[in-house]
């Protein structure tokens, strides 16, 4: 089977983009100090500070589960709780890792249209119980873009910031597709992170063209105390750190991080427009980044699977997620759309 058929299941399925690979090969010339004491890691962390227009603390982890879980653990104690949307990745797809890393911090789930928390939903959970028998709310975790491909606007982020400050809560942002949000919103990274109240951001490189590697960025530097020890204890301190940080530098210095995200978003928009012209296809959520959620007839889904197309169907009966990435092509989208038409 042509492995390109798999590319709509997830942007994790894509390969390494040329810029990330080039810098990884550059970092492979000769030896370098281990455990992040190399020039690549120093340059990458400095570039993040420039990109976000703030003196922040930057750490690297192998994957998003570790990045989210360890950063949340740094924000709360075992007797605290984390408020998140019911569809959030930390609730549905991380096998209890946030609770494990924090020695038991409870996730409090809120509902919200299009995968987004609201200030009202957060306040409702915070004030639900204030007695000592209930885990004390300490952190708000939001995802940008969300698990259903939607975006928090600046106004929505600022309203959440206001609630967080009112109740002395910290804000964690799962930025699995943060680059796609930046590309879609045409805002600066600073505007939709620390300027909107975010204390720590998990910025994903894997879905944006790297082989692996997430950047954990503490805008509130006080919260990063001893975080390097936390990473080491959890097995997330890479001995050859340069092979994570150098590809990051490749994405940042060349602008590929934004170029890749824009391309993925544009491909998703193209796919959405094609699907909207097919009778029997219905959009499930607004398409705002690089994910397209559509309802297809069950028989059509089965035919697509038999043809070898791979995609996720975890959002209810008939719900299909098509995810585009930095290497998605228009011709591949046309093939998919043609097969969908024929299947229906």
Protein backbone atom coordinates (compact mmCIF):
# COMPACT_ATOMS: atom_id res chain seq x y z
CA UNK A 1 0.00 0.00 0.00
CA UNK A 2 1.23 3.49 -0.76
CA UNK A 3 2.14 4.90 2.64
CA UNK A 4 0.81 8.32 1.61
CA UNK A 5 -2.65 6.87 2.07
CA UNK A 6 -2.05 7.11 5.81
CA UNK A 7 -1.39 10.81 5.93
CA UNK A 8 -4.94 11.93 6.77
CA UNK A 9 -5.07 9.96 10.02
CA UNK A 10 -2.71 12.30 11.85
CA UNK A 11 0.00 14.88 11.35
CA UNK A 12 2.10 12.49 13.44
CA UNK A 13 2.22 10.25 10.38
CA UNK A 14 4.24 12.71 8.32
CA UNK A 15 7.99 12.46 7.91
CA UNK A 16 10.72 14.92 8.85
CA UNK A 17 10.62 18.17 6.93
CA UNK A 18 13.81 19.16 5.01
CA UNK A 19 14.72 22.04 7.31
CA UNK A 20 14.57 19.94 10.48
CA UNK A 21 16.51 17.13 8.83
CA UNK A 22 19.17 19.49 7.50
CA UNK A 23 19.86 20.93 10.94
CA UNK A 24 19.91 17.48 12.50
CA UNK A 25 22.57 16.44 9.99
CA UNK A 26 24.53 19.61 10.75
CA UNK A 27 24.45 18.78 14.44
CA UNK A 28 25.82 15.33 13.60
CA UNK A 29 29.15 16.75 12.45
CA UNK A 30 31.62 15.75 15.15
CA UNK A 31 30.98 15.61 18.87
CA UNK A 32 29.20 18.01 21.23
CA UNK A 33 28.67 18.32 25.00
CA UNK A 34 25.85 16.14 26.31
CA UNK A 35 22.66 16.83 28.26
CA UNK A 36 21.88 20.15 26.62
CA UNK A 37 25.23 21.83 27.22
CA UNK A 38 25.75 22.27 23.48
CA UNK A 39 25.56 25.27 21.18
CA UNK A 40 22.46 23.97 19.34
CA UNK A 41 20.42 23.85 22.52
CA UNK A 42 21.63 27.28 23.59
CA UNK A 43 20.78 28.80 20.21
CA UNK A 44 17.35 27.16 20.11
CA UNK A 45 16.40 28.34 23.59
CA UNK A 46 17.57 31.87 22.78
CA UNK A 47 15.52 31.80 19.60
CA UNK A 48 12.39 30.88 21.56
CA UNK A 49 13.00 33.90 23.79
CA UNK A 50 13.26 36.09 20.72
CA UNK A 51 10.19 34.54 19.10
CA UNK A 52 8.04 35.02 22.19
CA UNK A 53 9.50 38.43 23.04
CA UNK A 54 10.18 37.47 26.66
CA UNK A 55 12.87 35.98 28.86
CA UNK A 56 11.41 32.52 29.37
CA UNK A 57 12.70 29.17 30.57
CA UNK A 58 12.79 26.49 27.85
CA UNK A 59 13.06 22.72 28.27
CA UNK A 60 12.85 19.90 25.76
CA UNK A 61 11.01 16.59 26.09
CA UNK A 62 10.65 13.67 23.73
CA UNK A 63 6.87 13.77 23.36
CA UNK A 64 3.69 15.66 24.12
CA UNK A 65 2.43 13.36 26.85
CA UNK A 66 5.57 13.97 28.88
CA UNK A 67 5.55 17.70 28.15
CA UNK A 68 1.94 18.13 29.28
CA UNK A 69 2.19 15.83 32.28
CA UNK A 70 5.44 17.18 33.68
CA UNK A 71 4.47 20.81 33.20
CA UNK A 72 1.12 20.24 34.92
CA UNK A 73 2.90 18.45 37.75
CA UNK A 74 5.11 21.51 38.18
CA UNK A 75 2.01 23.69 38.56
CA UNK A 76 0.12 21.74 41.19
CA UNK A 77 0.40 19.39 44.14
CA UNK A 78 -1.25 15.98 44.45
CA UNK A 79 -4.20 17.47 46.36
CA UNK A 80 -4.90 20.02 43.62
CA UNK A 81 -7.03 19.71 40.50
CA UNK A 82 -6.73 20.72 36.85
CA UNK A 83 -9.73 22.12 34.98
CA UNK A 84 -9.85 21.01 31.35
CA UNK A 85 -12.35 20.38 28.57
CA UNK A 86 -13.91 16.94 28.44
CA UNK A 87 -12.37 16.31 25.00
CA UNK A 88 -8.88 17.49 25.99
CA UNK A 89 -5.92 15.29 25.19
CA UNK A 90 -4.84 15.14 28.83
CA UNK A 91 -8.22 13.59 29.64
CA UNK A 92 -8.84 11.30 26.67
CA UNK A 93 -5.48 10.27 25.26
CA UNK A 94 -2.68 10.28 27.81
CA UNK A 95 -3.44 7.13 29.81
CA UNK A 96 -3.58 8.94 33.15
CA UNK A 97 -0.07 10.37 32.73
CA UNK A 98 -0.94 13.83 34.13
CA UNK A 99 -2.35 12.24 37.28
CA UNK A 100 0.60 9.87 37.48
CA UNK A 101 3.25 12.59 37.10
CA UNK A 102 1.59 14.80 39.72
CA UNK A 103 1.06 11.93 42.17
CA UNK A 104 -2.70 12.21 41.87
CA UNK A 105 -3.86 15.69 40.86
CA UNK A 106 -7.45 15.25 39.71
CA UNK A 107 -8.75 16.42 36.32
CA UNK A 108 -12.04 18.30 36.56
CA UNK A 109 -13.92 18.14 33.26
CA UNK A 110 -15.97 20.93 31.77
CA UNK A 111 -18.20 21.01 28.73
CA UNK A 112 -18.06 23.69 26.07
CA UNK A 113 -19.07 24.15 22.46
CA UNK A 114 -16.52 23.30 19.78
CA UNK A 115 -14.04 21.84 22.22
CA UNK A 116 -13.43 25.09 24.13
CA UNK A 117 -13.51 25.98 27.79
CA UNK A 118 -15.38 29.13 28.76
CA UNK A 119 -14.81 31.45 31.68
CA UNK A 120 -18.30 30.59 32.93
CA UNK A 121 -17.66 26.83 32.85
CA UNK A 122 -14.36 27.30 34.67
CA UNK A 123 -15.91 29.49 37.36
CA UNK A 124 -18.71 26.96 37.84
CA UNK A 125 -16.20 24.22 38.59
CA UNK A 126 -14.03 26.41 40.80
CA UNK A 127 -16.98 27.44 42.97
CA UNK A 128 -18.75 24.08 42.94
CA UNK A 129 -17.11 23.07 46.21
CA UNK A 130 -14.63 24.88 48.39
CA UNK A 131 -14.40 22.48 51.33
CA UNK A 132 -11.26 20.60 52.29
CA UNK A 133 -12.72 17.26 51.17
CA UNK A 134 -12.52 18.23 47.50
CA UNK A 135 -9.31 18.65 45.45
CA UNK A 136 -8.52 22.34 45.24
CA UNK A 137 -8.58 23.81 41.69
CA UNK A 138 -5.14 25.09 40.81
CA UNK A 139 -4.65 24.95 37.04
CA UNK A 140 -6.66 25.64 33.89
CA UNK A 141 -5.49 23.60 30.91
CA UNK A 142 -6.51 24.77 27.43
CA UNK A 143 -5.57 23.39 24.02
CA UNK A 144 -4.70 25.63 21.05
CA UNK A 145 -5.87 24.58 18.53
CA UNK A 146 -8.43 22.36 20.28
CA UNK A 147 -8.97 18.64 19.92
CA UNK A 148 -11.75 19.38 17.41
CA UNK A 149 -9.65 21.81 15.39
CA UNK A 150 -11.11 25.07 16.66
CA UNK A 151 -9.31 28.15 17.97
CA UNK A 152 -9.52 30.25 21.11
CA UNK A 153 -9.77 33.90 20.13
CA UNK A 154 -7.80 36.57 21.95
CA UNK A 155 -10.99 37.71 23.71
CA UNK A 156 -11.75 34.16 24.84
CA UNK A 157 -8.22 33.74 26.17
CA UNK A 158 -8.39 37.05 28.02
CA UNK A 159 -11.69 36.12 29.66
CA UNK A 160 -10.10 32.89 30.88
CA UNK A 161 -7.11 34.89 32.09
CA UNK A 162 -9.45 37.09 34.13
CA UNK A 163 -11.03 34.07 35.81
CA UNK A 164 -7.61 32.57 36.47
CA UNK A 165 -6.42 35.73 38.18
CA UNK A 166 -9.68 36.02 40.16
CA UNK A 167 -9.21 32.56 41.67
CA UNK A 168 -5.41 32.43 41.69
CA UNK A 169 -5.20 29.70 39.04
CA UNK A 170 -2.32 28.98 36.69
CA UNK A 171 -2.86 28.51 32.95
CA UNK A 172 -1.30 25.66 31.00
CA UNK A 173 -1.58 25.55 27.22
CA UNK A 174 -1.33 22.30 25.30
CA UNK A 175 0.16 23.57 22.05
CA UNK A 176 0.10 20.32 20.11
CA UNK A 177 -0.89 22.43 17.10
CA UNK A 178 0.15 25.85 18.37
CA UNK A 179 1.93 26.63 15.10
CA UNK A 180 -1.30 25.99 13.19
CA UNK A 181 -3.14 28.35 15.53
CA UNK A 182 -0.56 31.08 14.93
CA UNK A 183 -0.81 30.62 11.17
CA UNK A 184 -4.60 30.68 11.23
CA UNK A 185 -5.04 33.64 13.57
CA UNK A 186 -2.29 35.81 12.12
CA UNK A 187 -1.22 36.77 15.64
CA UNK A 188 2.22 36.72 17.22
CA UNK A 189 3.19 33.80 19.46
CA UNK A 190 3.34 36.23 22.38
CA UNK A 191 -0.18 37.50 21.77
CA UNK A 192 -1.83 34.11 22.16
CA UNK A 193 0.41 32.84 24.95
CA UNK A 194 1.83 34.88 27.83
CA UNK A 195 0.18 38.14 26.82
CA UNK A 196 -3.14 36.28 27.11
CA UNK A 197 -2.28 34.87 30.53
CA UNK A 198 -0.57 31.56 29.71
CA UNK A 199 2.00 30.55 32.34
CA UNK A 200 3.44 27.52 30.55
CA UNK A 201 3.14 26.36 26.94
CA UNK A 202 3.90 22.93 25.52
CA UNK A 203 4.93 23.76 21.94
CA UNK A 204 4.86 20.73 19.65
CA UNK A 205 7.58 20.10 17.09
CA UNK A 206 6.62 16.54 16.14
CA UNK A 207 3.41 17.51 14.35
CA UNK A 208 5.14 20.43 12.65
CA UNK A 209 7.86 18.53 10.78
CA UNK A 210 10.23 17.11 13.38
CA UNK A 211 10.93 13.47 14.13
CA UNK A 212 10.29 14.05 17.83
CA UNK A 213 10.63 16.79 20.38
CA UNK A 214 8.46 19.22 22.31
CA UNK A 215 9.48 22.56 23.79
CA UNK A 216 8.16 23.30 27.28
CA UNK A 217 8.18 27.07 27.73
CA UNK A 218 7.70 28.65 31.15
CA UNK A 219 6.74 32.29 30.79
CA UNK A 220 6.41 32.45 34.56
CA UNK A 221 10.00 31.50 35.38
CA UNK A 222 9.29 30.98 39.08
CA UNK A 223 7.19 27.95 38.16
CA UNK A 224 10.18 26.33 36.44
CA UNK A 225 12.16 25.87 39.64
CA UNK A 226 13.87 22.46 39.59
CA UNK A 227 12.01 21.49 36.42
CA UNK A 228 15.23 20.14 34.96
CA UNK A 229 15.32 17.63 37.84
CA UNK A 230 11.71 16.68 37.12
CA UNK A 231 12.61 15.99 33.48
CA UNK A 232 15.62 13.90 34.47
CA UNK A 233 13.65 11.84 36.98
CA UNK A 234 10.97 11.15 34.38
CA UNK A 235 13.48 9.93 31.78
CA UNK A 236 13.00 13.01 29.62
CA UNK A 237 16.53 14.43 29.73
CA UNK A 238 18.08 13.57 26.37
CA UNK A 239 21.78 12.83 26.62
CA UNK A 240 22.27 13.87 22.99
CA UNK A 241 20.00 16.86 23.39
CA UNK A 242 21.27 18.52 20.22
CA UNK A 243 19.29 16.07 18.11
CA UNK A 244 16.10 17.57 19.54
CA UNK A 245 17.18 21.20 19.75
CA UNK A 246 18.95 21.41 16.36
CA UNK A 247 15.82 20.45 14.37
CA UNK A 248 13.90 23.00 16.43
CA UNK A 249 16.47 25.60 15.44
CA UNK A 250 16.00 24.50 11.83
CA UNK A 251 12.26 25.15 12.05
CA UNK A 252 12.70 28.49 13.81
CA UNK A 253 15.62 30.04 11.92
CA UNK A 254 14.25 29.22 8.48
CA UNK A 255 10.64 30.06 9.31
CA UNK A 256 9.65 26.51 8.37
CA UNK A 257 7.56 26.16 11.54
CA UNK A 258 5.14 28.78 10.23
CA UNK A 259 5.41 27.76 6.57
CA UNK A 260 4.59 24.15 7.48
CA UNK A 261 1.61 25.21 9.57
CA UNK A 262 0.23 27.50 6.88
CA UNK A 263 0.52 24.75 4.28
CA UNK A 264 -1.31 22.26 6.51
CA UNK A 265 -4.07 24.78 7.22
CA UNK A 266 -4.46 25.62 3.53
CA UNK A 267 -4.72 21.92 2.66
CA UNK A 268 -7.43 21.46 5.28
CA UNK A 269 -9.33 24.44 3.88
CA UNK A 270 -9.06 23.00 0.38
CA UNK A 271 -10.34 19.63 1.60
CA UNK A 272 -13.22 21.25 3.47
CA UNK A 273 -14.32 23.16 0.39
CA UNK A 274 -14.23 19.99 -1.70
CA UNK A 275 -16.24 18.04 0.87
CA UNK A 276 -18.87 20.76 1.18
CA UNK A 277 -19.75 20.21 -2.48
CA UNK A 278 -20.64 16.55 -1.88
CA UNK A 279 -24.22 15.63 -1.00
CA UNK A 280 -24.28 13.44 2.08
CA UNK A 281 -21.28 15.07 3.78
CA UNK A 282 -21.80 17.32 6.79
CA UNK A 283 -19.18 19.30 8.72
CA UNK A 284 -19.11 18.57 12.46
CA UNK A 285 -17.07 21.53 13.69
CA UNK A 286 -15.82 24.80 12.21
CA UNK A 287 -12.62 24.19 10.24
CA UNK A 288 -10.18 26.69 11.70
CA UNK A 289 -6.75 25.02 11.56
CA UNK A 290 -5.53 21.79 9.93
CA UNK A 291 -8.27 19.37 11.00
CA UNK A 292 -11.47 18.61 9.11
CA UNK A 293 -14.24 16.80 10.96
CA UNK A 294 -17.02 15.44 8.78
CA UNK A 295 -20.00 13.15 9.08
CA UNK A 296 -20.08 10.48 6.38
CA UNK A 297 -22.52 7.63 5.86
CA UNK A 298 -21.35 4.50 7.65
CA UNK A 299 -21.16 2.48 4.44
CA UNK A 300 -18.93 5.13 2.88
CA UNK A 301 -16.55 5.01 5.85
CA UNK A 302 -16.25 1.25 5.46
CA UNK A 303 -15.52 1.52 1.73
CA UNK A 304 -12.79 4.11 2.38
CA UNK A 305 -11.17 1.82 4.94
CA UNK A 306 -11.28 -1.09 2.51
CA UNK A 307 -9.48 1.07 -0.02
CA UNK A 308 -6.69 1.63 2.48
CA UNK A 309 -7.45 5.16 3.65
CA UNK A 310 -6.59 5.69 7.30
CA UNK A 311 -8.35 8.23 9.50
CA UNK A 312 -9.79 8.48 12.98
CA UNK A 313 -13.47 7.86 13.73
CA UNK A 314 -13.55 8.61 17.45
CA UNK A 315 -16.13 11.42 17.46
CA UNK A 316 -19.46 9.58 17.50
CA UNK A 317 -21.07 7.46 14.80
CA UNK A 318 -20.26 8.77 11.35
CA UNK A 319 -17.66 11.19 12.63
CA UNK A 320 -14.40 11.23 10.68
CA UNK A 321 -11.30 13.34 11.26
CA UNK A 322 -9.04 14.15 8.33
CA UNK A 323 -5.77 15.76 9.40
CA UNK A 324 -3.42 17.54 7.01
CA UNK A 325 0.28 18.16 7.63
CA UNK A 326 3.32 19.91 6.20
CA UNK A 327 3.67 17.35 3.39
CA UNK A 328 0.01 16.93 2.40
CA UNK A 329 -0.53 17.44 -1.32
CA UNK A 330 -3.50 18.75 -3.25
CA UNK A 331 -3.38 15.77 -5.58
CA UNK A 332 -3.71 13.39 -2.62
CA UNK A 333 -6.69 15.37 -1.35
CA UNK A 334 -8.29 15.10 -4.78
CA UNK A 335 -7.85 11.32 -4.71
CA UNK A 336 -9.44 11.14 -1.25
CA UNK A 337 -12.36 13.34 -2.27
CA UNK A 338 -12.92 11.28 -5.41
CA UNK A 339 -13.06 8.08 -3.37
CA UNK A 340 -15.48 9.69 -0.93
CA UNK A 341 -17.75 10.75 -3.80
CA UNK A 342 -17.72 7.25 -5.25
CA UNK A 343 -18.27 5.65 -1.84
CA UNK A 344 -21.34 7.78 -1.18
